[in-house]
Amino acid sequence: MPFVRVDLLEGKSADYLAGLGEAVYDAMRATLNVPADDRFQVIAEHKPGTLFIDERYLGIQRSAECVLIQVTLNAGRSVQMKKDFYRAVADGLQARLGLRREDVFISLVEVVKENWSFGNGEAQYADP
């Protein structure tokens, strides 16, 4: 059950924002074994001066188009699965939206299963 948050500067169309979410979801399904109908995303736009992204960290030239993608998910995926996910997201956003691969920043936050509640005030993944 990944929970995705995407942050970017304001000003993109609804279609662009939808494309961001779809590209991330497609990459999760293809590389991280995320099942169908497991899509929980927040896409937040920010005013100029409220989103700070280093333009040159690790020698990668980022532009004002850079998007920050944070995925909270259950722990346990292999390093190779994570690498495949990063590449699939960057490739998908480039193909779908023309977003430069340099402008795709991804962070994974791994949690244990009992840290989720999907509703009803219950911990559906916790051991009985």
Protein backbone atom coordinates (compact mmCIF):
# COMPACT_ATOMS: atom_id res chain seq x y z
CA MET A 1 0.00 0.00 0.00
CA PRO A 2 2.13 2.87 -1.14
CA PHE A 3 1.13 6.42 -0.33
CA VAL A 4 2.54 8.90 -2.83
CA ARG A 5 3.13 12.59 -2.40
CA VAL A 6 4.27 14.73 -5.35
CA ASP A 7 5.33 18.33 -4.82
CA LEU A 8 6.02 20.85 -7.59
CA LEU A 9 5.72 24.53 -8.44
CA GLU A 10 2.21 25.72 -9.24
CA GLY A 11 0.99 26.40 -12.73
CA LYS A 12 0.59 23.00 -14.39
CA SER A 13 -2.59 21.85 -16.09
CA ALA A 14 -4.94 19.26 -14.62
CA ASP A 15 -3.85 16.87 -17.40
CA TYR A 16 -0.19 17.35 -16.47
CA LEU A 17 -0.92 16.67 -12.80
CA ALA A 18 -2.96 13.58 -13.69
CA GLY A 19 -0.09 12.40 -15.90
CA LEU A 20 2.32 12.72 -12.98
CA GLY A 21 0.15 10.52 -10.82
CA GLU A 22 -0.46 7.98 -13.57
CA ALA A 23 3.24 7.66 -14.41
CA VAL A 24 4.16 7.02 -10.78
CA TYR A 25 1.32 4.52 -10.33
CA ASP A 26 2.24 2.69 -13.55
CA ALA A 27 5.87 2.45 -12.40
CA MET A 28 4.81 1.10 -8.99
CA ARG A 29 2.65 -1.56 -10.64
CA ALA A 30 5.42 -2.55 -13.05
CA THR A 31 8.34 -2.68 -10.61
CA LEU A 32 7.20 -2.79 -6.97
CA ASN A 33 4.41 -5.41 -7.16
CA VAL A 34 1.70 -2.91 -6.29
CA PRO A 35 -1.75 -4.39 -7.01
CA ALA A 36 -4.52 -2.80 -9.03
CA ASP A 37 -6.79 -0.39 -7.14
CA ASP A 38 -3.99 0.45 -4.67
CA ARG A 39 -3.62 4.11 -5.58
CA PHE A 40 -3.36 6.77 -2.89
CA GLN A 41 -1.72 10.01 -4.03
CA VAL A 42 -1.50 13.67 -3.12
CA ILE A 43 -0.19 16.09 -5.71
CA ALA A 44 0.57 19.48 -4.18
CA GLU A 45 1.50 22.62 -6.05
CA HIS A 46 3.51 25.33 -4.33
CA LYS A 47 3.90 29.06 -4.90
CA PRO A 48 7.32 30.32 -6.03
CA GLY A 49 9.54 30.91 -3.02
CA THR A 50 8.02 28.06 -1.00
CA LEU A 51 9.73 25.06 -2.61
CA PHE A 52 13.52 24.81 -2.34
CA ILE A 53 15.35 22.35 -4.58
CA ASP A 54 19.11 22.48 -5.01
CA GLU A 55 19.96 23.05 -8.67
CA ARG A 56 23.28 21.17 -8.66
CA TYR A 57 23.41 18.59 -5.84
CA LEU A 58 25.49 15.52 -6.87
CA GLY A 59 26.26 17.20 -10.20
CA ILE A 60 22.69 16.87 -11.48
CA GLN A 61 21.41 20.06 -13.14
CA ARG A 62 17.82 20.55 -11.98
CA SER A 63 15.44 23.16 -13.34
CA ALA A 64 12.38 24.90 -11.95
CA GLU A 65 10.36 22.00 -13.43
CA CYS A 66 11.78 19.56 -10.86
CA VAL A 67 9.21 17.40 -9.06
CA LEU A 68 9.71 15.85 -5.62
CA ILE A 69 8.15 12.40 -5.29
CA GLN A 70 7.94 10.72 -1.90
CA VAL A 71 6.55 7.21 -1.63
CA THR A 72 5.72 5.66 1.74
CA LEU A 73 5.50 1.88 1.41
CA ASN A 74 5.92 -1.37 3.29
CA ALA A 75 9.54 -2.35 3.91
CA GLY A 76 10.99 -5.31 2.06
CA ARG A 77 11.61 -4.43 -1.57
CA SER A 78 15.06 -5.26 -2.94
CA VAL A 79 17.57 -2.62 -3.98
CA GLN A 80 17.12 -3.75 -7.59
CA MET A 81 13.35 -3.26 -7.40
CA LYS A 82 13.92 0.26 -6.08
CA LYS A 83 16.41 1.06 -8.85
CA ASP A 84 13.95 -0.29 -11.43
CA PHE A 85 11.23 1.90 -9.92
CA TYR A 86 13.37 5.07 -10.05
CA ARG A 87 14.18 4.42 -13.70
CA ALA A 88 10.58 3.56 -14.60
CA VAL A 89 9.30 6.78 -13.02
CA ALA A 90 11.91 8.96 -14.74
CA ASP A 91 11.35 7.22 -18.09
CA GLY A 92 7.55 7.39 -17.73
CA LEU A 93 7.52 11.08 -16.87
CA GLN A 94 9.88 11.88 -19.72
CA ALA A 95 7.78 9.90 -22.22
CA ARG A 96 4.39 11.07 -20.94
CA LEU A 97 5.07 14.70 -20.03
CA GLY A 98 8.44 15.58 -21.55
CA LEU A 99 9.86 16.06 -18.05
CA ARG A 100 13.64 15.89 -17.98
CA ARG A 101 15.01 12.87 -16.12
CA GLU A 102 17.22 15.29 -14.15
CA ASP A 103 14.06 16.90 -12.79
CA VAL A 104 12.71 13.76 -11.12
CA PHE A 105 13.64 13.51 -7.43
CA ILE A 106 12.37 10.40 -5.61
CA SER A 107 12.47 9.43 -1.94
CA LEU A 108 11.20 6.14 -0.53
CA VAL A 109 10.06 5.89 3.09
CA GLU A 110 9.75 2.30 4.27
CA VAL A 111 7.48 1.43 7.19
CA VAL A 112 6.30 -1.71 8.96
CA LYS A 113 2.87 -3.02 8.05
CA GLU A 114 1.14 -2.14 11.32
CA ASN A 115 1.73 1.55 10.58
CA TRP A 116 -1.24 1.65 8.19
CA SER A 117 -4.94 2.17 8.72
CA PHE A 118 -7.08 2.10 5.59
CA GLY A 119 -10.25 3.16 7.37
CA ASN A 120 -12.66 2.16 10.12
CA GLY A 121 -10.03 2.97 12.77
CA GLU A 122 -8.41 -0.44 12.20
CA ALA A 123 -4.88 -1.63 11.49
CA GLN A 124 -5.76 -3.96 8.62
CA TYR A 125 -2.18 -5.19 8.09
CA ALA A 126 -1.30 -5.69 11.79
CA ASP A 127 -0.90 -9.20 13.13
CA PRO A 128 -4.08 -10.45 14.83
